[in-house]
């Protein structure tokens, strides 16, 4: 599997037409404070989807600052626009490797 990090969220959205399934996976990334303790409030969201180029799977990934409530807002926008995409909580790498 090839992993491509897309720095700009808009570029990530533009690549969605290349996906092989109607699912975008997301996870929350908390931060670590000075005492090496994980903060309870995540401040970053990772989005991932799978694509296929010839015989290779490609994982596209982007990270942006945001709070957990933004996921439901994104899903609402997708639903209102009648775009058949579902946001699924999980790490696609782990899910993919468990099926391989």
PDB file of N, CA and C in Angstrom:
ATOM      1  N   UNK A   1       0.847  -1.169   0.000  1.00  0.00           N
ATOM      2  CA  UNK A   1       0.000   0.000   0.000  1.00  0.00           C
ATOM      3  C   UNK A   1       0.897   1.239   0.000  1.00  0.00           C
ATOM      4  N   UNK A   2       0.523   2.191  -0.803  1.00  0.00           N
ATOM      5  CA  UNK A   2       1.226   3.469  -0.900  1.00  0.00           C
ATOM      6  C   UNK A   2       0.447   4.486  -0.067  1.00  0.00           C
ATOM      7  N   UNK A   3       1.141   5.278   0.729  1.00  0.00           N
ATOM      8  CA  UNK A   3       0.498   6.310   1.542  1.00  0.00           C
ATOM      9  C   UNK A   3       0.924   7.676   1.018  1.00  0.00           C
ATOM     10  N   UNK A   4      -0.073   8.508   0.726  1.00  0.00           N
ATOM     11  CA  UNK A   4       0.197   9.864   0.247  1.00  0.00           C
ATOM     12  C   UNK A   4      -0.439  10.846   1.219  1.00  0.00           C
ATOM     13  N   UNK A   5       0.402  11.685   1.809  1.00  0.00           N
ATOM     14  CA  UNK A   5      -0.094  12.720   2.708  1.00  0.00           C
ATOM     15  C   UNK A   5      -0.415  13.957   1.880  1.00  0.00           C
ATOM     16  N   UNK A   6      -1.640  14.445   2.011  1.00  0.00           N
ATOM     17  CA  UNK A   6      -2.094  15.633   1.296  1.00  0.00           C
ATOM     18  C   UNK A   6      -2.181  16.762   2.317  1.00  0.00           C
ATOM     19  N   UNK A   7      -1.340  17.760   2.146  1.00  0.00           N
ATOM     20  CA  UNK A   7      -1.244  18.825   3.148  1.00  0.00           C
ATOM     21  C   UNK A   7      -2.472  19.721   3.182  1.00  0.00           C
ATOM     22  N   UNK A   8      -3.043  20.024   2.040  1.00  0.00           N
ATOM     23  CA  UNK A   8      -4.151  20.969   1.954  1.00  0.00           C
ATOM     24  C   UNK A   8      -5.485  20.221   1.931  1.00  0.00           C
ATOM     25  N   UNK A   9      -6.408  20.592   2.810  1.00  0.00           N
ATOM     26  CA  UNK A   9      -7.709  19.937   2.890  1.00  0.00           C
ATOM     27  C   UNK A   9      -8.482  20.049   1.579  1.00  0.00           C
ATOM     28  N   UNK A  10      -8.382  21.178   0.910  1.00  0.00           N
ATOM     29  CA  UNK A  10      -9.080  21.359  -0.370  1.00  0.00           C
ATOM     30  C   UNK A  10      -8.548  20.386  -1.422  1.00  0.00           C
ATOM     31  N   UNK A  11      -7.244  20.175  -1.455  1.00  0.00           N
ATOM     32  CA  UNK A  11      -6.665  19.199  -2.384  1.00  0.00           C
ATOM     33  C   UNK A  11      -7.155  17.792  -2.060  1.00  0.00           C
ATOM     34  N   UNK A  12      -7.260  17.479  -0.775  1.00  0.00           N
ATOM     35  CA  UNK A  12      -7.771  16.178  -0.343  1.00  0.00           C
ATOM     36  C   UNK A  12      -9.189  15.965  -0.874  1.00  0.00           C
ATOM     37  N   UNK A  13     -10.033  16.980  -0.723  1.00  0.00           N
ATOM     38  CA  UNK A  13     -11.416  16.897  -1.198  1.00  0.00           C
ATOM     39  C   UNK A  13     -11.445  16.709  -2.713  1.00  0.00           C
ATOM     40  N   UNK A  14     -10.578  17.393  -3.432  1.00  0.00           N
ATOM     41  CA  UNK A  14     -10.531  17.261  -4.890  1.00  0.00           C
ATOM     42  C   UNK A  14     -10.127  15.859  -5.331  1.00  0.00           C
ATOM     43  N   UNK A  15      -9.395  15.137  -4.493  1.00  0.00           N
ATOM     44  CA  UNK A  15      -8.965  13.778  -4.823  1.00  0.00           C
ATOM     45  C   UNK A  15     -10.024  12.724  -4.507  1.00  0.00           C
ATOM     46  N   UNK A  16     -11.103  13.099  -3.850  1.00  0.00           N
ATOM     47  CA  UNK A  16     -12.123  12.129  -3.455  1.00  0.00           C
ATOM     48  C   UNK A  16     -12.731  11.377  -4.634  1.00  0.00           C
ATOM     49  N   UNK A  17     -12.696  11.949  -5.807  1.00  0.00           N
ATOM     50  CA  UNK A  17     -13.247  11.257  -6.980  1.00  0.00           C
ATOM     51  C   UNK A  17     -12.446  10.004  -7.327  1.00  0.00           C
ATOM     52  N   UNK A  18     -11.241   9.885  -6.787  1.00  0.00           N
ATOM     53  CA  UNK A  18     -10.383   8.726  -7.045  1.00  0.00           C
ATOM     54  C   UNK A  18     -10.653   7.566  -6.087  1.00  0.00           C
ATOM     55  N   UNK A  19     -11.523   7.738  -5.113  1.00  0.00           N
ATOM     56  CA  UNK A  19     -11.724   6.728  -4.072  1.00  0.00           C
ATOM     57  C   UNK A  19     -12.345   5.448  -4.635  1.00  0.00           C
ATOM     58  N   UNK A  20     -12.100   4.333  -3.922  1.00  0.00           N
ATOM     59  CA  UNK A  20     -12.643   3.046  -4.346  1.00  0.00           C
ATOM     60  C   UNK A  20     -13.840   2.624  -3.506  1.00  0.00           C
ATOM     61  N   UNK A  21     -14.169   3.376  -2.490  1.00  0.00           N
ATOM     62  CA  UNK A  21     -15.344   3.077  -1.670  1.00  0.00           C
ATOM     63  C   UNK A  21     -15.966   4.385  -1.207  1.00  0.00           C
ATOM     64  N   UNK A  22     -17.195   4.297  -0.754  1.00  0.00           N
ATOM     65  CA  UNK A  22     -17.915   5.498  -0.328  1.00  0.00           C
ATOM     66  C   UNK A  22     -17.761   5.762   1.165  1.00  0.00           C
ATOM     67  N   UNK A  23     -16.553   5.549   1.652  1.00  0.00           N
ATOM     68  CA  UNK A  23     -16.269   5.767   3.064  1.00  0.00           C
ATOM     69  C   UNK A  23     -15.003   6.601   3.215  1.00  0.00           C
ATOM     70  N   UNK A  24     -15.071   7.556   4.126  1.00  0.00           N
ATOM     71  CA  UNK A  24     -13.895   8.323   4.533  1.00  0.00           C
ATOM     72  C   UNK A  24     -13.688   7.994   6.006  1.00  0.00           C
ATOM     73  N   UNK A  25     -12.508   7.560   6.337  1.00  0.00           N
ATOM     74  CA  UNK A  25     -12.209   7.198   7.715  1.00  0.00           C
ATOM     75  C   UNK A  25     -11.617   8.403   8.433  1.00  0.00           C
ATOM     76  N   UNK A  26     -11.943   8.514   9.715  1.00  0.00           N
ATOM     77  CA  UNK A  26     -11.417   9.636  10.492  1.00  0.00           C
ATOM     78  C   UNK A  26     -10.975   9.161  11.862  1.00  0.00           C
ATOM     79  N   UNK A  27     -10.080   9.920  12.451  1.00  0.00           N
ATOM     80  CA  UNK A  27      -9.666   9.688  13.829  1.00  0.00           C
ATOM     81  C   UNK A  27      -9.295  11.030  14.444  1.00  0.00           C
ATOM     82  N   UNK A  28      -9.380  11.088  15.754  1.00  0.00           N
ATOM     83  CA  UNK A  28      -9.008  12.291  16.483  1.00  0.00           C
ATOM     84  C   UNK A  28      -7.604  12.111  17.024  1.00  0.00           C
ATOM     85  N   UNK A  29      -6.796  13.144  16.887  1.00  0.00           N
ATOM     86  CA  UNK A  29      -5.427  13.123  17.396  1.00  0.00           C
ATOM     87  C   UNK A  29      -5.333  14.123  18.527  1.00  0.00           C
ATOM     88  N   UNK A  30      -5.161  13.640  19.738  1.00  0.00           N
ATOM     89  CA  UNK A  30      -4.977  14.536  20.875  1.00  0.00           C
ATOM     90  C   UNK A  30      -3.544  15.009  20.898  1.00  0.00           C
ATOM     91  N   UNK A  31      -3.238  15.861  21.802  1.00  0.00           N
ATOM     92  CA  UNK A  31      -1.859  16.316  21.918  1.00  0.00           C
ATOM     93  C   UNK A  31      -1.328  15.949  23.297  1.00  0.00           C
ATOM     94  N   UNK A  32      -0.031  15.962  23.428  1.00  0.00           N
ATOM     95  CA  UNK A  32       0.636  15.604  24.672  1.00  0.00           C
ATOM     96  C   UNK A  32       1.118  16.895  25.331  1.00  0.00           C
ATOM     97  N   UNK A  33       0.838  17.047  26.625  1.00  0.00           N
ATOM     98  CA  UNK A  33       1.302  18.266  27.294  1.00  0.00           C
ATOM     99  C   UNK A  33       2.725  18.077  27.828  1.00  0.00           C
ATOM    100  N   UNK A  34       3.230  19.064  28.538  1.00  0.00           N
ATOM    101  CA  UNK A  34       4.617  19.034  29.028  1.00  0.00           C
ATOM    102  C   UNK A  34       4.901  17.880  29.979  1.00  0.00           C
ATOM    103  N   UNK A  35       3.861  17.341  30.602  1.00  0.00           N
ATOM    104  CA  UNK A  35       4.052  16.257  31.568  1.00  0.00           C
ATOM    105  C   UNK A  35       3.819  14.893  30.922  1.00  0.00           C
ATOM    106  N   UNK A  36       3.815  14.839  29.597  1.00  0.00           N
ATOM    107  CA  UNK A  36       3.623  13.599  28.839  1.00  0.00           C
ATOM    108  C   UNK A  36       2.257  12.963  29.102  1.00  0.00           C
ATOM    109  N   UNK A  37       1.268  13.787  29.368  1.00  0.00           N
ATOM    110  CA  UNK A  37      -0.080  13.308  29.617  1.00  0.00           C
ATOM    111  C   UNK A  37      -0.943  13.684  28.419  1.00  0.00           C
ATOM    112  N   UNK A  38      -1.706  12.715  27.946  1.00  0.00           N
ATOM    113  CA  UNK A  38      -2.572  12.924  26.793  1.00  0.00           C
ATOM    114  C   UNK A  38      -3.723  13.857  27.181  1.00  0.00           C
ATOM    115  N   UNK A  39      -3.922  14.919  26.418  1.00  0.00           N
ATOM    116  CA  UNK A  39      -5.034  15.834  26.678  1.00  0.00           C
ATOM    117  C   UNK A  39      -6.339  15.132  26.338  1.00  0.00           C
ATOM    118  N   UNK A  40      -7.389  15.437  27.091  1.00  0.00           N
ATOM    119  CA  UNK A  40      -8.683  14.813  26.837  1.00  0.00           C
ATOM    120  C   UNK A  40      -9.377  15.416  25.626  1.00  0.00           C
ATOM    121  N   UNK A  41      -9.065  16.631  25.283  1.00  0.00           N
ATOM    122  CA  UNK A  41      -9.714  17.300  24.163  1.00  0.00           C
ATOM    123  C   UNK A  41      -8.830  17.215  22.917  1.00  0.00           C
ATOM    124  N   UNK A  42      -9.230  16.394  21.938  1.00  0.00           N
ATOM    125  CA  UNK A  42      -8.436  16.308  20.710  1.00  0.00           C
ATOM    126  C   UNK A  42      -8.431  17.651  19.982  1.00  0.00           C
ATOM    127  N   UNK A  43      -7.351  17.926  19.280  1.00  0.00           N
ATOM    128  CA  UNK A  43      -7.305  19.191  18.553  1.00  0.00           C
ATOM    129  C   UNK A  43      -6.975  19.002  17.085  1.00  0.00           C
ATOM    130  N   UNK A  44      -6.851  17.773  16.643  1.00  0.00           N
ATOM    131  CA  UNK A  44      -6.616  17.512  15.225  1.00  0.00           C
ATOM    132  C   UNK A  44      -7.472  16.335  14.772  1.00  0.00           C
ATOM    133  N   UNK A  45      -7.852  16.384  13.503  1.00  0.00           N
ATOM    134  CA  UNK A  45      -8.630  15.307  12.901  1.00  0.00           C
ATOM    135  C   UNK A  45      -7.860  14.803  11.687  1.00  0.00           C
ATOM    136  N   UNK A  46      -7.725  13.496  11.588  1.00  0.00           N
ATOM    137  CA  UNK A  46      -7.108  12.865  10.422  1.00  0.00           C
ATOM    138  C   UNK A  46      -8.218  12.266   9.570  1.00  0.00           C
ATOM    139  N   UNK A  47      -8.208  12.554   8.267  1.00  0.00           N
ATOM    140  CA  UNK A  47      -9.137  11.954   7.311  1.00  0.00           C
ATOM    141  C   UNK A  47      -8.339  11.081   6.356  1.00  0.00           C
ATOM    142  N   UNK A  48      -8.906   9.914   5.998  1.00  0.00           N
ATOM    143  CA  UNK A  48      -8.227   8.984   5.100  1.00  0.00           C
ATOM    144  C   UNK A  48      -9.242   8.327   4.167  1.00  0.00           C
ATOM    145  N   UNK A  49      -8.805   8.022   2.952  1.00  0.00           N
ATOM    146  CA  UNK A  49      -9.612   7.188   2.062  1.00  0.00           C
ATOM    147  C   UNK A  49      -8.691   6.376   1.173  1.00  0.00           C
ATOM    148  N   UNK A  50      -9.247   5.300   0.624  1.00  0.00           N
ATOM    149  CA  UNK A  50      -8.477   4.412  -0.245  1.00  0.00           C
ATOM    150  C   UNK A  50      -8.770   4.689  -1.706  1.00  0.00           C
ATOM    151  N   UNK A  51      -7.745   4.541  -2.505  1.00  0.00           N
ATOM    152  CA  UNK A  51      -7.825   4.678  -3.952  1.00  0.00           C
ATOM    153  C   UNK A  51      -7.050   3.508  -4.551  1.00  0.00           C
ATOM    154  N   UNK A  52      -7.160   3.336  -5.842  1.00  0.00           N
ATOM    155  CA  UNK A  52      -6.404   2.275  -6.500  1.00  0.00           C
ATOM    156  C   UNK A  52      -5.756   2.840  -7.754  1.00  0.00           C
ATOM    157  N   UNK A  53      -4.461   2.599  -7.890  1.00  0.00           N
ATOM    158  CA  UNK A  53      -3.711   2.996  -9.074  1.00  0.00           C
ATOM    159  C   UNK A  53      -3.099   1.720  -9.634  1.00  0.00           C
ATOM    160  N   UNK A  54      -3.565   1.346 -10.803  1.00  0.00           N
ATOM    161  CA  UNK A  54      -3.170   0.080 -11.421  1.00  0.00           C
ATOM    162  C   UNK A  54      -3.413  -1.046 -10.424  1.00  0.00           C
ATOM    163  N   UNK A  55      -2.383  -1.749  -9.990  1.00  0.00           N
ATOM    164  CA  UNK A  55      -2.568  -2.870  -9.065  1.00  0.00           C
ATOM    165  C   UNK A  55      -2.222  -2.517  -7.626  1.00  0.00           C
ATOM    166  N   UNK A  56      -2.069  -1.253  -7.320  1.00  0.00           N
ATOM    167  CA  UNK A  56      -1.664  -0.837  -5.975  1.00  0.00           C
ATOM    168  C   UNK A  56      -2.772  -0.055  -5.283  1.00  0.00           C
ATOM    169  N   UNK A  57      -2.943  -0.328  -3.993  1.00  0.00           N
ATOM    170  CA  UNK A  57      -3.841   0.484  -3.186  1.00  0.00           C
ATOM    171  C   UNK A  57      -3.094   1.725  -2.723  1.00  0.00           C
ATOM    172  N   UNK A  58      -3.794   2.840  -2.731  1.00  0.00           N
ATOM    173  CA  UNK A  58      -3.208   4.105  -2.296  1.00  0.00           C
ATOM    174  C   UNK A  58      -4.077   4.647  -1.169  1.00  0.00           C
ATOM    175  N   UNK A  59      -3.437   5.011  -0.080  1.00  0.00           N
ATOM    176  CA  UNK A  59      -4.116   5.636   1.045  1.00  0.00           C
ATOM    177  C   UNK A  59      -3.814   7.123   1.010  1.00  0.00           C
ATOM    178  N   UNK A  60      -4.856   7.929   0.847  1.00  0.00           N
ATOM    179  CA  UNK A  60      -4.703   9.383   0.915  1.00  0.00           C
ATOM    180  C   UNK A  60      -5.064   9.818   2.329  1.00  0.00           C
ATOM    181  N   UNK A  61      -4.277  10.728   2.868  1.00  0.00           N
ATOM    182  CA  UNK A  61      -4.468  11.157   4.252  1.00  0.00           C
ATOM    183  C   UNK A  61      -4.227  12.654   4.366  1.00  0.00           C
ATOM    184  N   UNK A  62      -5.043  13.302   5.197  1.00  0.00           N
ATOM    185  CA  UNK A  62      -4.825  14.702   5.528  1.00  0.00           C
ATOM    186  C   UNK A  62      -5.120  14.909   7.006  1.00  0.00           C
ATOM    187  N   UNK A  63      -4.521  15.919   7.583  1.00  0.00           N
ATOM    188  CA  UNK A  63      -4.729  16.253   8.996  1.00  0.00           C
ATOM    189  C   UNK A  63      -5.055  17.743   9.075  1.00  0.00           C
ATOM    190  N   UNK A  64      -6.069  18.069   9.861  1.00  0.00           N
ATOM    191  CA  UNK A  64      -6.411  19.478  10.048  1.00  0.00           C
ATOM    192  C   UNK A  64      -6.825  19.717  11.496  1.00  0.00           C
ATOM    193  N   UNK A  65      -6.721  20.961  11.922  1.00  0.00           N
ATOM    194  CA  UNK A  65      -7.137  21.333  13.274  1.00  0.00           C
ATOM    195  C   UNK A  65      -8.653  21.349  13.341  1.00  0.00           C
ATOM    196  N   UNK A  66      -9.188  20.750  14.379  1.00  0.00           N
ATOM    197  CA  UNK A  66     -10.633  20.727  14.536  1.00  0.00           C
ATOM    198  C   UNK A  66     -11.039  20.017  15.809  1.00  0.00           C
ATOM    199  N   UNK A  67     -12.292  20.111  16.122  1.00  0.00           N
ATOM    200  CA  UNK A  67     -12.866  19.488  17.310  1.00  0.00           C
ATOM    201  C   UNK A  67     -13.793  18.353  16.870  1.00  0.00           C
ATOM    202  N   UNK A  68     -14.073  17.402  17.761  1.00  0.00           N
ATOM    203  CA  UNK A  68     -14.909  16.251  17.404  1.00  0.00           C
ATOM    204  C   UNK A  68     -16.272  16.606  16.822  1.00  0.00           C
ATOM    205  N   UNK A  69     -16.892  17.700  17.261  1.00  0.00           N
ATOM    206  CA  UNK A  69     -18.217  18.057  16.743  1.00  0.00           C
ATOM    207  C   UNK A  69     -18.183  18.418  15.260  1.00  0.00           C
ATOM    208  N   UNK A  70     -17.007  18.683  14.714  1.00  0.00           N
ATOM    209  CA  UNK A  70     -16.912  19.030  13.295  1.00  0.00           C
ATOM    210  C   UNK A  70     -17.203  17.834  12.391  1.00  0.00           C
ATOM    211  N   UNK A  71     -16.995  16.623  12.884  1.00  0.00           N
ATOM    212  CA  UNK A  71     -17.283  15.431  12.082  1.00  0.00           C
ATOM    213  C   UNK A  71     -18.771  15.361  11.763  1.00  0.00           C
ATOM    214  N   UNK A  72     -19.622  15.591  12.752  1.00  0.00           N
ATOM    215  CA  UNK A  72     -21.065  15.550  12.487  1.00  0.00           C
ATOM    216  C   UNK A  72     -21.477  16.674  11.544  1.00  0.00           C
ATOM    217  N   UNK A  73     -20.833  17.825  11.638  1.00  0.00           N
ATOM    218  CA  UNK A  73     -21.128  18.929  10.719  1.00  0.00           C
ATOM    219  C   UNK A  73     -20.735  18.563   9.289  1.00  0.00           C
ATOM    220  N   UNK A  74     -19.577  17.934   9.136  1.00  0.00           N
ATOM    221  CA  UNK A  74     -19.128  17.514   7.801  1.00  0.00           C
ATOM    222  C   UNK A  74     -20.109  16.500   7.224  1.00  0.00           C
ATOM    223  N   UNK A  75     -20.546  15.528   8.043  1.00  0.00           N
ATOM    224  CA  UNK A  75     -21.490  14.520   7.565  1.00  0.00           C
ATOM    225  C   UNK A  75     -22.810  15.161   7.154  1.00  0.00           C
ATOM    226  N   UNK A  76     -23.279  16.153   7.912  1.00  0.00           N
ATOM    227  CA  UNK A  76     -24.513  16.860   7.566  1.00  0.00           C
ATOM    228  C   UNK A  76     -24.387  17.547   6.210  1.00  0.00           C
ATOM    229  N   UNK A  77     -23.256  18.184   5.961  1.00  0.00           N
ATOM    230  CA  UNK A  77     -23.029  18.853   4.671  1.00  0.00           C
ATOM    231  C   UNK A  77     -23.047  17.829   3.541  1.00  0.00           C
ATOM    232  N   UNK A  78     -22.400  16.685   3.743  1.00  0.00           N
ATOM    233  CA  UNK A  78     -22.395  15.634   2.719  1.00  0.00           C
ATOM    234  C   UNK A  78     -23.809  15.131   2.456  1.00  0.00           C
ATOM    235  N   UNK A  79     -24.582  14.925   3.518  1.00  0.00           N
ATOM    236  CA  UNK A  79     -25.955  14.443   3.368  1.00  0.00           C
ATOM    237  C   UNK A  79     -26.830  15.463   2.648  1.00  0.00           C
ATOM    238  N   UNK A  80     -26.712  16.735   3.023  1.00  0.00           N
ATOM    239  CA  UNK A  80     -27.511  17.785   2.388  1.00  0.00           C
ATOM    240  C   UNK A  80     -27.166  17.933   0.915  1.00  0.00           C
ATOM    241  N   UNK A  81     -25.908  17.723   0.572  1.00  0.00           N
ATOM    242  CA  UNK A  81     -25.478  17.831  -0.824  1.00  0.00           C
ATOM    243  C   UNK A  81     -25.763  16.541  -1.594  1.00  0.00           C
ATOM    244  N   UNK A  82     -26.361  15.560  -0.900  1.00  0.00           N
ATOM    245  CA  UNK A  82     -26.680  14.257  -1.492  1.00  0.00           C
ATOM    246  C   UNK A  82     -25.445  13.585  -2.075  1.00  0.00           C
ATOM    247  N   UNK A  83     -24.341  13.723  -1.364  1.00  0.00           N
ATOM    248  CA  UNK A  83     -23.107  13.039  -1.737  1.00  0.00           C
ATOM    249  C   UNK A  83     -23.056  11.760  -0.925  1.00  0.00           C
ATOM    250  N   UNK A  84     -22.981  10.641  -1.605  1.00  0.00           N
ATOM    251  CA  UNK A  84     -23.021   9.336  -0.943  1.00  0.00           C
ATOM    252  C   UNK A  84     -21.681   8.980  -0.313  1.00  0.00           C
ATOM    253  N   UNK A  85     -21.296   9.719   0.702  1.00  0.00           N
ATOM    254  CA  UNK A  85     -20.070   9.446   1.452  1.00  0.00           C
ATOM    255  C   UNK A  85     -20.421   9.342   2.924  1.00  0.00           C
ATOM    256  N   UNK A  86     -19.840   8.361   3.588  1.00  0.00           N
ATOM    257  CA  UNK A  86     -20.048   8.200   5.023  1.00  0.00           C
ATOM    258  C   UNK A  86     -18.717   8.337   5.738  1.00  0.00           C
ATOM    259  N   UNK A  87     -18.740   9.044   6.839  1.00  0.00           N
ATOM    260  CA  UNK A  87     -17.557   9.188   7.682  1.00  0.00           C
ATOM    261  C   UNK A  87     -17.574   8.059   8.707  1.00  0.00           C
ATOM    262  N   UNK A  88     -16.497   7.281   8.745  1.00  0.00           N
ATOM    263  CA  UNK A  88     -16.386   6.109   9.609  1.00  0.00           C
ATOM    264  C   UNK A  88     -15.225   6.320  10.565  1.00  0.00           C
ATOM    265  N   UNK A  89     -15.487   6.158  11.860  1.00  0.00           N
ATOM    266  CA  UNK A  89     -14.409   6.322  12.840  1.00  0.00           C
ATOM    267  C   UNK A  89     -13.526   5.082  12.814  1.00  0.00           C
ATOM    268  N   UNK A  90     -12.236   5.304  12.645  1.00  0.00           N
ATOM    269  CA  UNK A  90     -11.285   4.199  12.643  1.00  0.00           C
ATOM    270  C   UNK A  90     -10.063   4.530  11.817  1.00  0.00           C
ATOM    271  N   UNK A  91      -9.066   3.673  11.956  1.00  0.00           N
ATOM    272  CA  UNK A  91      -7.822   3.841  11.212  1.00  0.00           C
ATOM    273  C   UNK A  91      -7.825   2.847  10.061  1.00  0.00           C
ATOM    274  N   UNK A  92      -7.902   3.335   8.853  1.00  0.00           N
ATOM    275  CA  UNK A  92      -7.994   2.462   7.693  1.00  0.00           C
ATOM    276  C   UNK A  92      -6.769   1.564   7.576  1.00  0.00           C
ATOM    277  N   UNK A  93      -5.606   2.026   7.984  1.00  0.00           N
ATOM    278  CA  UNK A  93      -4.407   1.180   7.915  1.00  0.00           C
ATOM    279  C   UNK A  93      -4.598  -0.085   8.728  1.00  0.00           C
ATOM    280  N   UNK A  94      -5.088   0.059   9.959  1.00  0.00           N
ATOM    281  CA  UNK A  94      -5.302  -1.101  10.817  1.00  0.00           C
ATOM    282  C   UNK A  94      -6.400  -1.994  10.266  1.00  0.00           C
ATOM    283  N   UNK A  95      -7.464  -1.397   9.761  1.00  0.00           N
ATOM    284  CA  UNK A  95      -8.557  -2.177   9.188  1.00  0.00           C
ATOM    285  C   UNK A  95      -8.061  -2.931   7.961  1.00  0.00           C
ATOM    286  N   UNK A  96      -7.337  -2.250   7.091  1.00  0.00           N
ATOM    287  CA  UNK A  96      -6.806  -2.876   5.879  1.00  0.00           C
ATOM    288  C   UNK A  96      -5.866  -4.024   6.219  1.00  0.00           C
ATOM    289  N   UNK A  97      -4.942  -3.797   7.142  1.00  0.00           N
ATOM    290  CA  UNK A  97      -3.975  -4.831   7.502  1.00  0.00           C
ATOM    291  C   UNK A  97      -4.644  -6.033   8.154  1.00  0.00           C
ATOM    292  N   UNK A  98      -5.735  -5.832   8.864  1.00  0.00           N
ATOM    293  CA  UNK A  98      -6.422  -6.957   9.495  1.00  0.00           C
ATOM    294  C   UNK A  98      -7.096  -7.851   8.459  1.00  0.00           C
ATOM    295  N   UNK A  99      -7.428  -7.314   7.294  1.00  0.00           N
ATOM    296  CA  UNK A  99      -8.029  -8.110   6.229  1.00  0.00           C
ATOM    297  C   UNK A  99      -6.998  -8.705   5.285  1.00  0.00           C
ATOM    298  N   UNK A 100      -5.766  -8.231   5.323  1.00  0.00           N
ATOM    299  CA  UNK A 100      -4.723  -8.697   4.394  1.00  0.00           C
ATOM    300  C   UNK A 100      -4.174 -10.039   4.805  1.00  0.00           C
TER     301      UNK A 100
END
